[in-house]
Amino acid sequence: MDDRNARIVAKIIGHTERILDYCEGIDEASFMADSKLVDACVFNLIQIGELAGIVDDVFSEKHDNIAWRKMRGLRNRIVHDYEGIDLRLIWDIVTGDKGGLSELLKQLTELRDEL
């Protein structure tokens, strides 16, 4: 694997860790009420989606257990309809047990360690 994809994975891990750190100990109501926290999380989700979009096709196909397409899709939903962002969806992505950011971080960390 080339260094470019490794750097992208590392950057996605960094954005994922930031979101998880921001939301540690926060409940859903507090999240919804804190516009700065929401903005910070949404910004990092956009960055994750941007980065997922530049991973090369061979790499993403080889590591198809990672939700590259969903990350890109979420980025597009956020960017093209910011006023209509479903904060409950964002919260579920951040905190979801299966398919949430913790799971993504685990998958990406394992991938990084293999590289």
PDB file of N, CA and C in Angstrom:
ATOM      1  N   MET A   1       0.832  -1.174   0.000  1.00  0.00           N
ATOM      2  CA  MET A   1       0.000   0.000   0.000  1.00  0.00           C
ATOM      3  C   MET A   1       0.877   1.237   0.000  1.00  0.00           C
ATOM      4  N   ASP A   2       0.416   2.248  -0.693  1.00  0.00           N
ATOM      5  CA  ASP A   2       1.237   3.445  -0.770  1.00  0.00           C
ATOM      6  C   ASP A   2       1.027   4.348   0.440  1.00  0.00           C
ATOM      7  N   ASP A   3       1.954   5.276   0.586  1.00  0.00           N
ATOM      8  CA  ASP A   3       1.917   6.196   1.717  1.00  0.00           C
ATOM      9  C   ASP A   3       0.693   7.107   1.681  1.00  0.00           C
ATOM     10  N   ARG A   4       0.209   7.418   0.486  1.00  0.00           N
ATOM     11  CA  ARG A   4      -0.941   8.320   0.352  1.00  0.00           C
ATOM     12  C   ARG A   4      -2.159   7.760   1.083  1.00  0.00           C
ATOM     13  N   ASN A   5      -2.492   6.502   0.833  1.00  0.00           N
ATOM     14  CA  ASN A   5      -3.642   5.887   1.495  1.00  0.00           C
ATOM     15  C   ASN A   5      -3.411   5.757   2.999  1.00  0.00           C
ATOM     16  N   ALA A   6      -2.187   5.482   3.405  1.00  0.00           N
ATOM     17  CA  ALA A   6      -1.873   5.406   4.839  1.00  0.00           C
ATOM     18  C   ALA A   6      -2.079   6.760   5.502  1.00  0.00           C
ATOM     19  N   ARG A   7      -1.674   7.835   4.831  1.00  0.00           N
ATOM     20  CA  ARG A   7      -1.884   9.188   5.386  1.00  0.00           C
ATOM     21  C   ARG A   7      -3.364   9.516   5.484  1.00  0.00           C
ATOM     22  N   ILE A   8      -4.132   9.104   4.484  1.00  0.00           N
ATOM     23  CA  ILE A   8      -5.578   9.346   4.502  1.00  0.00           C
ATOM     24  C   ILE A   8      -6.224   8.608   5.667  1.00  0.00           C
ATOM     25  N   VAL A   9      -5.874   7.353   5.847  1.00  0.00           N
ATOM     26  CA  VAL A   9      -6.414   6.566   6.961  1.00  0.00           C
ATOM     27  C   VAL A   9      -6.055   7.236   8.290  1.00  0.00           C
ATOM     28  N   ALA A  10      -4.819   7.686   8.437  1.00  0.00           N
ATOM     29  CA  ALA A  10      -4.391   8.352   9.675  1.00  0.00           C
ATOM     30  C   ALA A  10      -5.198   9.626   9.921  1.00  0.00           C
ATOM     31  N   LYS A  11      -5.468  10.387   8.863  1.00  0.00           N
ATOM     32  CA  LYS A  11      -6.250  11.614   9.018  1.00  0.00           C
ATOM     33  C   LYS A  11      -7.692  11.302   9.408  1.00  0.00           C
ATOM     34  N   ILE A  12      -8.267  10.275   8.799  1.00  0.00           N
ATOM     35  CA  ILE A  12      -9.634   9.896   9.163  1.00  0.00           C
ATOM     36  C   ILE A  12      -9.678   9.464  10.627  1.00  0.00           C
ATOM     37  N   ILE A  13      -8.680   8.711  11.059  1.00  0.00           N
ATOM     38  CA  ILE A  13      -8.605   8.309  12.461  1.00  0.00           C
ATOM     39  C   ILE A  13      -8.565   9.551  13.355  1.00  0.00           C
ATOM     40  N   GLY A  14      -7.763  10.536  12.996  1.00  0.00           N
ATOM     41  CA  GLY A  14      -7.668  11.758  13.795  1.00  0.00           C
ATOM     42  C   GLY A  14      -9.004  12.485  13.909  1.00  0.00           C
ATOM     43  N   HIS A  15      -9.720  12.623  12.799  1.00  0.00           N
ATOM     44  CA  HIS A  15     -11.026  13.293  12.836  1.00  0.00           C
ATOM     45  C   HIS A  15     -12.030  12.487  13.651  1.00  0.00           C
ATOM     46  N   THR A  16     -11.973  11.175  13.530  1.00  0.00           N
ATOM     47  CA  THR A  16     -12.872  10.305  14.283  1.00  0.00           C
ATOM     48  C   THR A  16     -12.593  10.423  15.783  1.00  0.00           C
ATOM     49  N   GLU A  17     -11.329  10.407  16.148  1.00  0.00           N
ATOM     50  CA  GLU A  17     -10.963  10.534  17.563  1.00  0.00           C
ATOM     51  C   GLU A  17     -11.400  11.884  18.127  1.00  0.00           C
ATOM     52  N   ARG A  18     -11.275  12.946  17.333  1.00  0.00           N
ATOM     53  CA  ARG A  18     -11.709  14.264  17.808  1.00  0.00           C
ATOM     54  C   ARG A  18     -13.198  14.265  18.125  1.00  0.00           C
ATOM     55  N   ILE A  19     -14.002  13.724  17.222  1.00  0.00           N
ATOM     56  CA  ILE A  19     -15.448  13.686  17.466  1.00  0.00           C
ATOM     57  C   ILE A  19     -15.753  12.900  18.731  1.00  0.00           C
ATOM     58  N   LEU A  20     -15.147  11.737  18.866  1.00  0.00           N
ATOM     59  CA  LEU A  20     -15.396  10.905  20.045  1.00  0.00           C
ATOM     60  C   LEU A  20     -14.942  11.608  21.320  1.00  0.00           C
ATOM     61  N   ASP A  21     -13.827  12.309  21.264  1.00  0.00           N
ATOM     62  CA  ASP A  21     -13.359  13.080  22.425  1.00  0.00           C
ATOM     63  C   ASP A  21     -14.329  14.199  22.766  1.00  0.00           C
ATOM     64  N   TYR A  22     -14.796  14.917  21.739  1.00  0.00           N
ATOM     65  CA  TYR A  22     -15.737  16.018  21.973  1.00  0.00           C
ATOM     66  C   TYR A  22     -17.000  15.531  22.674  1.00  0.00           C
ATOM     67  N   CYS A  23     -17.437  14.339  22.331  1.00  0.00           N
ATOM     68  CA  CYS A  23     -18.728  13.840  22.811  1.00  0.00           C
ATOM     69  C   CYS A  23     -18.624  12.933  24.031  1.00  0.00           C
ATOM     70  N   GLU A  24     -17.427  12.707  24.502  1.00  0.00           N
ATOM     71  CA  GLU A  24     -17.265  11.843  25.670  1.00  0.00           C
ATOM     72  C   GLU A  24     -18.009  12.431  26.863  1.00  0.00           C
ATOM     73  N   GLY A  25     -18.850  11.626  27.476  1.00  0.00           N
ATOM     74  CA  GLY A  25     -19.601  12.056  28.652  1.00  0.00           C
ATOM     75  C   GLY A  25     -20.792  12.953  28.346  1.00  0.00           C
ATOM     76  N   ILE A  26     -21.092  13.154  27.085  1.00  0.00           N
ATOM     77  CA  ILE A  26     -22.200  14.019  26.670  1.00  0.00           C
ATOM     78  C   ILE A  26     -23.412  13.153  26.376  1.00  0.00           C
ATOM     79  N   ASP A  27     -24.587  13.585  26.829  1.00  0.00           N
ATOM     80  CA  ASP A  27     -25.806  12.870  26.454  1.00  0.00           C
ATOM     81  C   ASP A  27     -26.453  13.542  25.244  1.00  0.00           C
ATOM     82  N   GLU A  28     -27.460  12.891  24.709  1.00  0.00           N
ATOM     83  CA  GLU A  28     -28.080  13.366  23.475  1.00  0.00           C
ATOM     84  C   GLU A  28     -28.654  14.773  23.627  1.00  0.00           C
ATOM     85  N   ALA A  29     -29.332  15.043  24.713  1.00  0.00           N
ATOM     86  CA  ALA A  29     -29.944  16.366  24.908  1.00  0.00           C
ATOM     87  C   ALA A  29     -28.874  17.456  24.964  1.00  0.00           C
ATOM     88  N   SER A  30     -27.776  17.181  25.633  1.00  0.00           N
ATOM     89  CA  SER A  30     -26.682  18.157  25.723  1.00  0.00           C
ATOM     90  C   SER A  30     -26.057  18.383  24.348  1.00  0.00           C
ATOM     91  N   PHE A  31     -25.918  17.312  23.596  1.00  0.00           N
ATOM     92  CA  PHE A  31     -25.379  17.426  22.252  1.00  0.00           C
ATOM     93  C   PHE A  31     -26.274  18.319  21.404  1.00  0.00           C
ATOM     94  N   MET A  32     -27.571  18.031  21.414  1.00  0.00           N
ATOM     95  CA  MET A  32     -28.524  18.781  20.591  1.00  0.00           C
ATOM     96  C   MET A  32     -28.567  20.271  20.961  1.00  0.00           C
ATOM     97  N   ALA A  33     -28.312  20.559  22.219  1.00  0.00           N
ATOM     98  CA  ALA A  33     -28.410  21.941  22.701  1.00  0.00           C
ATOM     99  C   ALA A  33     -27.127  22.744  22.499  1.00  0.00           C
ATOM    100  N   ASP A  34     -26.039  22.082  22.138  1.00  0.00           N
ATOM    101  CA  ASP A  34     -24.740  22.747  22.040  1.00  0.00           C
ATOM    102  C   ASP A  34     -24.349  22.940  20.571  1.00  0.00           C
ATOM    103  N   SER A  35     -24.676  24.102  20.029  1.00  0.00           N
ATOM    104  CA  SER A  35     -24.437  24.333  18.598  1.00  0.00           C
ATOM    105  C   SER A  35     -22.953  24.277  18.244  1.00  0.00           C
ATOM    106  N   LYS A  36     -22.085  24.683  19.155  1.00  0.00           N
ATOM    107  CA  LYS A  36     -20.648  24.613  18.870  1.00  0.00           C
ATOM    108  C   LYS A  36     -20.186  23.157  18.768  1.00  0.00           C
ATOM    109  N   LEU A  37     -20.695  22.325  19.654  1.00  0.00           N
ATOM    110  CA  LEU A  37     -20.349  20.904  19.622  1.00  0.00           C
ATOM    111  C   LEU A  37     -20.876  20.258  18.339  1.00  0.00           C
ATOM    112  N   VAL A  38     -22.112  20.577  17.998  1.00  0.00           N
ATOM    113  CA  VAL A  38     -22.690  20.048  16.761  1.00  0.00           C
ATOM    114  C   VAL A  38     -21.851  20.484  15.570  1.00  0.00           C
ATOM    115  N   ASP A  39     -21.522  21.782  15.504  1.00  0.00           N
ATOM    116  CA  ASP A  39     -20.710  22.288  14.390  1.00  0.00           C
ATOM    117  C   ASP A  39     -19.357  21.590  14.318  1.00  0.00           C
ATOM    118  N   ALA A  40     -18.724  21.389  15.469  1.00  0.00           N
ATOM    119  CA  ALA A  40     -17.413  20.730  15.488  1.00  0.00           C
ATOM    120  C   ALA A  40     -17.527  19.293  14.979  1.00  0.00           C
ATOM    121  N   CYS A  41     -18.553  18.589  15.408  1.00  0.00           N
ATOM    122  CA  CYS A  41     -18.727  17.199  14.970  1.00  0.00           C
ATOM    123  C   CYS A  41     -19.054  17.134  13.484  1.00  0.00           C
ATOM    124  N   VAL A  42     -19.954  18.004  13.044  1.00  0.00           N
ATOM    125  CA  VAL A  42     -20.342  18.011  11.632  1.00  0.00           C
ATOM    126  C   VAL A  42     -19.142  18.363  10.758  1.00  0.00           C
ATOM    127  N   PHE A  43     -18.351  19.335  11.179  1.00  0.00           N
ATOM    128  CA  PHE A  43     -17.149  19.685  10.417  1.00  0.00           C
ATOM    129  C   PHE A  43     -16.241  18.467  10.257  1.00  0.00           C
ATOM    130  N   ASN A  44     -15.995  17.762  11.345  1.00  0.00           N
ATOM    131  CA  ASN A  44     -15.113  16.591  11.282  1.00  0.00           C
ATOM    132  C   ASN A  44     -15.720  15.465  10.460  1.00  0.00           C
ATOM    133  N   LEU A  45     -17.040  15.306  10.497  1.00  0.00           N
ATOM    134  CA  LEU A  45     -17.684  14.306   9.641  1.00  0.00           C
ATOM    135  C   LEU A  45     -17.519  14.667   8.173  1.00  0.00           C
ATOM    136  N   ILE A  46     -17.603  15.952   7.856  1.00  0.00           N
ATOM    137  CA  ILE A  46     -17.370  16.392   6.478  1.00  0.00           C
ATOM    138  C   ILE A  46     -15.944  16.050   6.058  1.00  0.00           C
ATOM    139  N   GLN A  47     -14.992  16.322   6.927  1.00  0.00           N
ATOM    140  CA  GLN A  47     -13.599  16.024   6.618  1.00  0.00           C
ATOM    141  C   GLN A  47     -13.395  14.523   6.392  1.00  0.00           C
ATOM    142  N   ILE A  48     -14.030  13.712   7.223  1.00  0.00           N
ATOM    143  CA  ILE A  48     -13.937  12.259   7.061  1.00  0.00           C
ATOM    144  C   ILE A  48     -14.471  11.854   5.691  1.00  0.00           C
ATOM    145  N   GLY A  49     -15.610  12.410   5.311  1.00  0.00           N
ATOM    146  CA  GLY A  49     -16.198  12.096   4.012  1.00  0.00           C
ATOM    147  C   GLY A  49     -15.333  12.538   2.851  1.00  0.00           C
ATOM    148  N   GLU A  50     -14.730  13.721   2.992  1.00  0.00           N
ATOM    149  CA  GLU A  50     -13.816  14.204   1.942  1.00  0.00           C
ATOM    150  C   GLU A  50     -12.642  13.250   1.779  1.00  0.00           C
ATOM    151  N   LEU A  51     -12.071  12.845   2.883  1.00  0.00           N
ATOM    152  CA  LEU A  51     -10.914  11.951   2.839  1.00  0.00           C
ATOM    153  C   LEU A  51     -11.289  10.576   2.297  1.00  0.00           C
ATOM    154  N   ALA A  52     -12.451  10.070   2.704  1.00  0.00           N
ATOM    155  CA  ALA A  52     -12.898   8.768   2.201  1.00  0.00           C
ATOM    156  C   ALA A  52     -13.079   8.808   0.689  1.00  0.00           C
ATOM    157  N   GLY A  53     -13.389   9.980   0.164  1.00  0.00           N
ATOM    158  CA  GLY A  53     -13.585  10.136  -1.265  1.00  0.00           C
ATOM    159  C   GLY A  53     -12.314  10.152  -2.086  1.00  0.00           C
ATOM    160  N   ILE A  54     -11.167  10.313  -1.427  1.00  0.00           N
ATOM    161  CA  ILE A  54      -9.914  10.353  -2.197  1.00  0.00           C
ATOM    162  C   ILE A  54      -9.045   9.111  -2.002  1.00  0.00           C
ATOM    163  N   VAL A  55      -9.540   8.156  -1.212  1.00  0.00           N
ATOM    164  CA  VAL A  55      -8.856   6.863  -1.125  1.00  0.00           C
ATOM    165  C   VAL A  55      -8.966   6.221  -2.505  1.00  0.00           C
ATOM    166  N   ASP A  56      -7.880   5.632  -2.979  1.00  0.00           N
ATOM    167  CA  ASP A  56      -7.962   5.073  -4.324  1.00  0.00           C
ATOM    168  C   ASP A  56      -8.868   3.842  -4.355  1.00  0.00           C
ATOM    169  N   ASP A  57      -9.439   3.616  -5.539  1.00  0.00           N
ATOM    170  CA  ASP A  57     -10.446   2.568  -5.712  1.00  0.00           C
ATOM    171  C   ASP A  57      -9.929   1.171  -5.371  1.00  0.00           C
ATOM    172  N   VAL A  58      -8.722   0.877  -5.764  1.00  0.00           N
ATOM    173  CA  VAL A  58      -8.158  -0.450  -5.484  1.00  0.00           C
ATOM    174  C   VAL A  58      -8.060  -0.667  -3.974  1.00  0.00           C
ATOM    175  N   PHE A  59      -7.618   0.361  -3.272  1.00  0.00           N
ATOM    176  CA  PHE A  59      -7.490   0.281  -1.822  1.00  0.00           C
ATOM    177  C   PHE A  59      -8.852   0.095  -1.164  1.00  0.00           C
ATOM    178  N   SER A  60      -9.832   0.899  -1.559  1.00  0.00           N
ATOM    179  CA  SER A  60     -11.159   0.807  -0.929  1.00  0.00           C
ATOM    180  C   SER A  60     -11.822  -0.533  -1.244  1.00  0.00           C
ATOM    181  N   GLU A  61     -11.613  -1.058  -2.435  1.00  0.00           N
ATOM    182  CA  GLU A  61     -12.166  -2.375  -2.771  1.00  0.00           C
ATOM    183  C   GLU A  61     -11.486  -3.481  -1.974  1.00  0.00           C
ATOM    184  N   LYS A  62     -10.199  -3.342  -1.773  1.00  0.00           N
ATOM    185  CA  LYS A  62      -9.460  -4.342  -0.989  1.00  0.00           C
ATOM    186  C   LYS A  62      -9.922  -4.338   0.473  1.00  0.00           C
ATOM    187  N   HIS A  63     -10.288  -3.162   0.963  1.00  0.00           N
ATOM    188  CA  HIS A  63     -10.708  -3.012   2.363  1.00  0.00           C
ATOM    189  C   HIS A  63     -12.186  -2.618   2.395  1.00  0.00           C
ATOM    190  N   ASP A  64     -13.007  -3.469   1.791  1.00  0.00           N
ATOM    191  CA  ASP A  64     -14.420  -3.157   1.637  1.00  0.00           C
ATOM    192  C   ASP A  64     -15.244  -3.341   2.915  1.00  0.00           C
ATOM    193  N   ASN A  65     -14.604  -3.775   3.993  1.00  0.00           N
ATOM    194  CA  ASN A  65     -15.289  -3.823   5.286  1.00  0.00           C
ATOM    195  C   ASN A  65     -15.430  -2.421   5.889  1.00  0.00           C
ATOM    196  N   ILE A  66     -14.669  -1.472   5.379  1.00  0.00           N
ATOM    197  CA  ILE A  66     -14.747  -0.078   5.825  1.00  0.00           C
ATOM    198  C   ILE A  66     -15.845   0.606   4.999  1.00  0.00           C
ATOM    199  N   ALA A  67     -16.645   1.413   5.639  1.00  0.00           N
ATOM    200  CA  ALA A  67     -17.807   2.056   4.992  1.00  0.00           C
ATOM    201  C   ALA A  67     -17.406   3.324   4.233  1.00  0.00           C
ATOM    202  N   TRP A  68     -16.491   3.195   3.273  1.00  0.00           N
ATOM    203  CA  TRP A  68     -15.997   4.351   2.518  1.00  0.00           C
ATOM    204  C   TRP A  68     -17.157   5.089   1.846  1.00  0.00           C
ATOM    205  N   ARG A  69     -18.016   4.334   1.217  1.00  0.00           N
ATOM    206  CA  ARG A  69     -19.131   4.937   0.473  1.00  0.00           C
ATOM    207  C   ARG A  69     -20.099   5.665   1.402  1.00  0.00           C
ATOM    208  N   LYS A  70     -20.376   5.084   2.546  1.00  0.00           N
ATOM    209  CA  LYS A  70     -21.272   5.736   3.510  1.00  0.00           C
ATOM    210  C   LYS A  70     -20.659   7.026   4.047  1.00  0.00           C
ATOM    211  N   MET A  71     -19.352   7.017   4.262  1.00  0.00           N
ATOM    212  CA  MET A  71     -18.689   8.236   4.726  1.00  0.00           C
ATOM    213  C   MET A  71     -18.822   9.336   3.685  1.00  0.00           C
ATOM    214  N   ARG A  72     -18.595   8.991   2.438  1.00  0.00           N
ATOM    215  CA  ARG A  72     -18.743   9.976   1.352  1.00  0.00           C
ATOM    216  C   ARG A  72     -20.189  10.433   1.233  1.00  0.00           C
ATOM    217  N   GLY A  73     -21.112   9.502   1.346  1.00  0.00           N
ATOM    218  CA  GLY A  73     -22.527   9.828   1.242  1.00  0.00           C
ATOM    219  C   GLY A  73     -22.987  10.759   2.349  1.00  0.00           C
ATOM    220  N   LEU A  74     -22.518  10.525   3.569  1.00  0.00           N
ATOM    221  CA  LEU A  74     -22.874  11.415   4.674  1.00  0.00           C
ATOM    222  C   LEU A  74     -22.326  12.805   4.430  1.00  0.00           C
ATOM    223  N   ARG A  75     -21.112  12.882   3.958  1.00  0.00           N
ATOM    224  CA  ARG A  75     -20.518  14.185   3.639  1.00  0.00           C
ATOM    225  C   ARG A  75     -21.394  14.932   2.642  1.00  0.00           C
ATOM    226  N   ASN A  76     -21.832  14.239   1.612  1.00  0.00           N
ATOM    227  CA  ASN A  76     -22.660  14.879   0.590  1.00  0.00           C
ATOM    228  C   ASN A  76     -24.001  15.338   1.157  1.00  0.00           C
ATOM    229  N   ARG A  77     -24.605  14.526   2.009  1.00  0.00           N
ATOM    230  CA  ARG A  77     -25.882  14.910   2.630  1.00  0.00           C
ATOM    231  C   ARG A  77     -25.710  16.162   3.484  1.00  0.00           C
ATOM    232  N   ILE A  78     -24.636  16.218   4.232  1.00  0.00           N
ATOM    233  CA  ILE A  78     -24.393  17.368   5.103  1.00  0.00           C
ATOM    234  C   ILE A  78     -24.124  18.617   4.274  1.00  0.00           C
ATOM    235  N   VAL A  79     -23.209  18.517   3.328  1.00  0.00           N
ATOM    236  CA  VAL A  79     -22.766  19.683   2.567  1.00  0.00           C
ATOM    237  C   VAL A  79     -23.893  20.257   1.715  1.00  0.00           C
ATOM    238  N   HIS A  80     -24.705  19.413   1.161  1.00  0.00           N
ATOM    239  CA  HIS A  80     -25.723  19.899   0.236  1.00  0.00           C
ATOM    240  C   HIS A  80     -27.039  20.263   0.904  1.00  0.00           C
ATOM    241  N   ASP A  81     -27.163  20.004   2.215  1.00  0.00           N
ATOM    242  CA  ASP A  81     -28.399  20.357   2.900  1.00  0.00           C
ATOM    243  C   ASP A  81     -28.125  20.638   4.364  1.00  0.00           C
ATOM    244  N   TYR A  82     -27.224  21.565   4.644  1.00  0.00           N
ATOM    245  CA  TYR A  82     -26.821  21.824   6.022  1.00  0.00           C
ATOM    246  C   TYR A  82     -27.998  22.184   6.910  1.00  0.00           C
ATOM    247  N   GLU A  83     -28.912  23.009   6.415  1.00  0.00           N
ATOM    248  CA  GLU A  83     -30.065  23.408   7.224  1.00  0.00           C
ATOM    249  C   GLU A  83     -30.958  22.219   7.570  1.00  0.00           C
ATOM    250  N   GLY A  84     -30.891  21.185   6.762  1.00  0.00           N
ATOM    251  CA  GLY A  84     -31.759  20.038   6.979  1.00  0.00           C
ATOM    252  C   GLY A  84     -31.079  18.867   7.650  1.00  0.00           C
ATOM    253  N   ILE A  85     -29.940  19.094   8.268  1.00  0.00           N
ATOM    254  CA  ILE A  85     -29.221  17.989   8.905  1.00  0.00           C
ATOM    255  C   ILE A  85     -30.076  17.410  10.029  1.00  0.00           C
ATOM    256  N   ASP A  86     -30.205  16.117  10.020  1.00  0.00           N
ATOM    257  CA  ASP A  86     -30.929  15.405  11.066  1.00  0.00           C
ATOM    258  C   ASP A  86     -29.946  15.164  12.219  1.00  0.00           C
ATOM    259  N   LEU A  87     -30.070  15.968  13.259  1.00  0.00           N
ATOM    260  CA  LEU A  87     -29.128  15.855  14.378  1.00  0.00           C
ATOM    261  C   LEU A  87     -29.225  14.512  15.083  1.00  0.00           C
ATOM    262  N   ARG A  88     -30.382  13.906  15.054  1.00  0.00           N
ATOM    263  CA  ARG A  88     -30.516  12.567  15.649  1.00  0.00           C
ATOM    264  C   ARG A  88     -29.663  11.568  14.867  1.00  0.00           C
ATOM    265  N   LEU A  89     -29.636  11.700  13.537  1.00  0.00           N
ATOM    266  CA  LEU A  89     -28.777  10.840  12.713  1.00  0.00           C
ATOM    267  C   LEU A  89     -27.305  11.071  13.057  1.00  0.00           C
ATOM    268  N   ILE A  90     -26.916  12.326  13.177  1.00  0.00           N
ATOM    269  CA  ILE A  90     -25.531  12.640  13.542  1.00  0.00           C
ATOM    270  C   ILE A  90     -25.201  12.026  14.904  1.00  0.00           C
ATOM    271  N   TRP A  91     -26.111  12.190  15.861  1.00  0.00           N
ATOM    272  CA  TRP A  91     -25.897  11.621  17.198  1.00  0.00           C
ATOM    273  C   TRP A  91     -25.768  10.101  17.121  1.00  0.00           C
ATOM    274  N   ASP A  92     -26.631   9.463  16.345  1.00  0.00           N
ATOM    275  CA  ASP A  92     -26.567   8.004  16.200  1.00  0.00           C
ATOM    276  C   ASP A  92     -25.257   7.561  15.559  1.00  0.00           C
ATOM    277  N   ILE A  93     -24.770   8.337  14.613  1.00  0.00           N
ATOM    278  CA  ILE A  93     -23.485   8.013  13.980  1.00  0.00           C
ATOM    279  C   ILE A  93     -22.355   8.138  14.994  1.00  0.00           C
ATOM    280  N   VAL A  94     -22.405   9.180  15.789  1.00  0.00           N
ATOM    281  CA  VAL A  94     -21.359   9.405  16.785  1.00  0.00           C
ATOM    282  C   VAL A  94     -21.387   8.330  17.865  1.00  0.00           C
ATOM    283  N   THR A  95     -22.569   7.960  18.329  1.00  0.00           N
ATOM    284  CA  THR A  95     -22.663   7.086  19.497  1.00  0.00           C
ATOM    285  C   THR A  95     -23.069   5.656  19.198  1.00  0.00           C
ATOM    286  N   GLY A  96     -23.476   5.371  17.971  1.00  0.00           N
ATOM    287  CA  GLY A  96     -23.994   4.040  17.646  1.00  0.00           C
ATOM    288  C   GLY A  96     -23.019   2.929  17.979  1.00  0.00           C
ATOM    289  N   ASP A  97     -23.535   1.874  18.582  1.00  0.00           N
ATOM    290  CA  ASP A  97     -22.690   0.736  18.937  1.00  0.00           C
ATOM    291  C   ASP A  97     -22.235  -0.023  17.691  1.00  0.00           C
ATOM    292  N   LYS A  98     -23.160  -0.277  16.789  1.00  0.00           N
ATOM    293  CA  LYS A  98     -22.817  -1.030  15.572  1.00  0.00           C
ATOM    294  C   LYS A  98     -22.878  -0.066  14.398  1.00  0.00           C
ATOM    295  N   GLY A  99     -21.742   0.153  13.795  1.00  0.00           N
ATOM    296  CA  GLY A  99     -21.703   1.067  12.668  1.00  0.00           C
ATOM    297  C   GLY A  99     -21.439   2.507  13.059  1.00  0.00           C
ATOM    298  N   GLY A 100     -21.293   2.783  14.338  1.00  0.00           N
ATOM    299  CA  GLY A 100     -20.995   4.136  14.790  1.00  0.00           C
ATOM    300  C   GLY A 100     -19.508   4.440  14.673  1.00  0.00           C
ATOM    301  N   LEU A 101     -19.145   5.613  15.139  1.00  0.00           N
ATOM    302  CA  LEU A 101     -17.747   6.035  15.015  1.00  0.00           C
ATOM    303  C   LEU A 101     -16.778   5.176  15.817  1.00  0.00           C
ATOM    304  N   SER A 102     -17.216   4.635  16.940  1.00  0.00           N
ATOM    305  CA  SER A 102     -16.326   3.750  17.705  1.00  0.00           C
ATOM    306  C   SER A 102     -15.944   2.523  16.892  1.00  0.00           C
ATOM    307  N   GLU A 103     -16.919   1.984  16.184  1.00  0.00           N
ATOM    308  CA  GLU A 103     -16.651   0.817  15.330  1.00  0.00           C
ATOM    309  C   GLU A 103     -15.748   1.209  14.167  1.00  0.00           C
ATOM    310  N   LEU A 104     -16.019   2.364  13.561  1.00  0.00           N
ATOM    311  CA  LEU A 104     -15.168   2.847  12.472  1.00  0.00           C
ATOM    312  C   LEU A 104     -13.739   3.033  12.962  1.00  0.00           C
ATOM    313  N   LEU A 105     -13.580   3.638  14.129  1.00  0.00           N
ATOM    314  CA  LEU A 105     -12.240   3.840  14.690  1.00  0.00           C
ATOM    315  C   LEU A 105     -11.531   2.515  14.898  1.00  0.00           C
ATOM    316  N   LYS A 106     -12.245   1.530  15.404  1.00  0.00           N
ATOM    317  CA  LYS A 106     -11.655   0.200  15.608  1.00  0.00           C
ATOM    318  C   LYS A 106     -11.189  -0.387  14.273  1.00  0.00           C
ATOM    319  N   GLN A 107     -12.051  -0.315  13.255  1.00  0.00           N
ATOM    320  CA  GLN A 107     -11.700  -0.864  11.944  1.00  0.00           C
ATOM    321  C   GLN A 107     -10.500  -0.144  11.341  1.00  0.00           C
ATOM    322  N   LEU A 108     -10.508   1.180  11.422  1.00  0.00           N
ATOM    323  CA  LEU A 108      -9.413   1.955  10.828  1.00  0.00           C
ATOM    324  C   LEU A 108      -8.101   1.756  11.577  1.00  0.00           C
ATOM    325  N   THR A 109      -8.193   1.624  12.885  1.00  0.00           N
ATOM    326  CA  THR A 109      -6.986   1.389  13.681  1.00  0.00           C
ATOM    327  C   THR A 109      -6.382   0.032  13.327  1.00  0.00           C
ATOM    328  N   GLU A 110      -7.223  -0.968  13.176  1.00  0.00           N
ATOM    329  CA  GLU A 110      -6.732  -2.287  12.758  1.00  0.00           C
ATOM    330  C   GLU A 110      -6.106  -2.217  11.371  1.00  0.00           C
ATOM    331  N   LEU A 111      -6.758  -1.476  10.474  1.00  0.00           N
ATOM    332  CA  LEU A 111      -6.220  -1.309   9.125  1.00  0.00           C
ATOM    333  C   LEU A 111      -4.874  -0.594   9.163  1.00  0.00           C
ATOM    334  N   ARG A 112      -4.803   0.477   9.923  1.00  0.00           N
ATOM    335  CA  ARG A 112      -3.544   1.228  10.053  1.00  0.00           C
ATOM    336  C   ARG A 112      -2.439   0.325  10.581  1.00  0.00           C
ATOM    337  N   ASP A 113      -2.753  -0.488  11.549  1.00  0.00           N
ATOM    338  CA  ASP A 113      -1.748  -1.366  12.142  1.00  0.00           C
ATOM    339  C   ASP A 113      -1.274  -2.453  11.166  1.00  0.00           C
ATOM    340  N   GLU A 114      -2.113  -2.792  10.193  1.00  0.00           N
ATOM    341  CA  GLU A 114      -1.727  -3.772   9.173  1.00  0.00           C
ATOM    342  C   GLU A 114      -0.812  -3.163   8.118  1.00  0.00           C
ATOM    343  N   LEU A 115      -0.912  -1.837   7.948  1.00  0.00           N
ATOM    344  CA  LEU A 115      -0.206  -1.177   6.844  1.00  0.00           C
ATOM    345  C   LEU A 115       1.262  -1.056   7.097  1.00  0.00           C
TER     346      LEU A 115
END
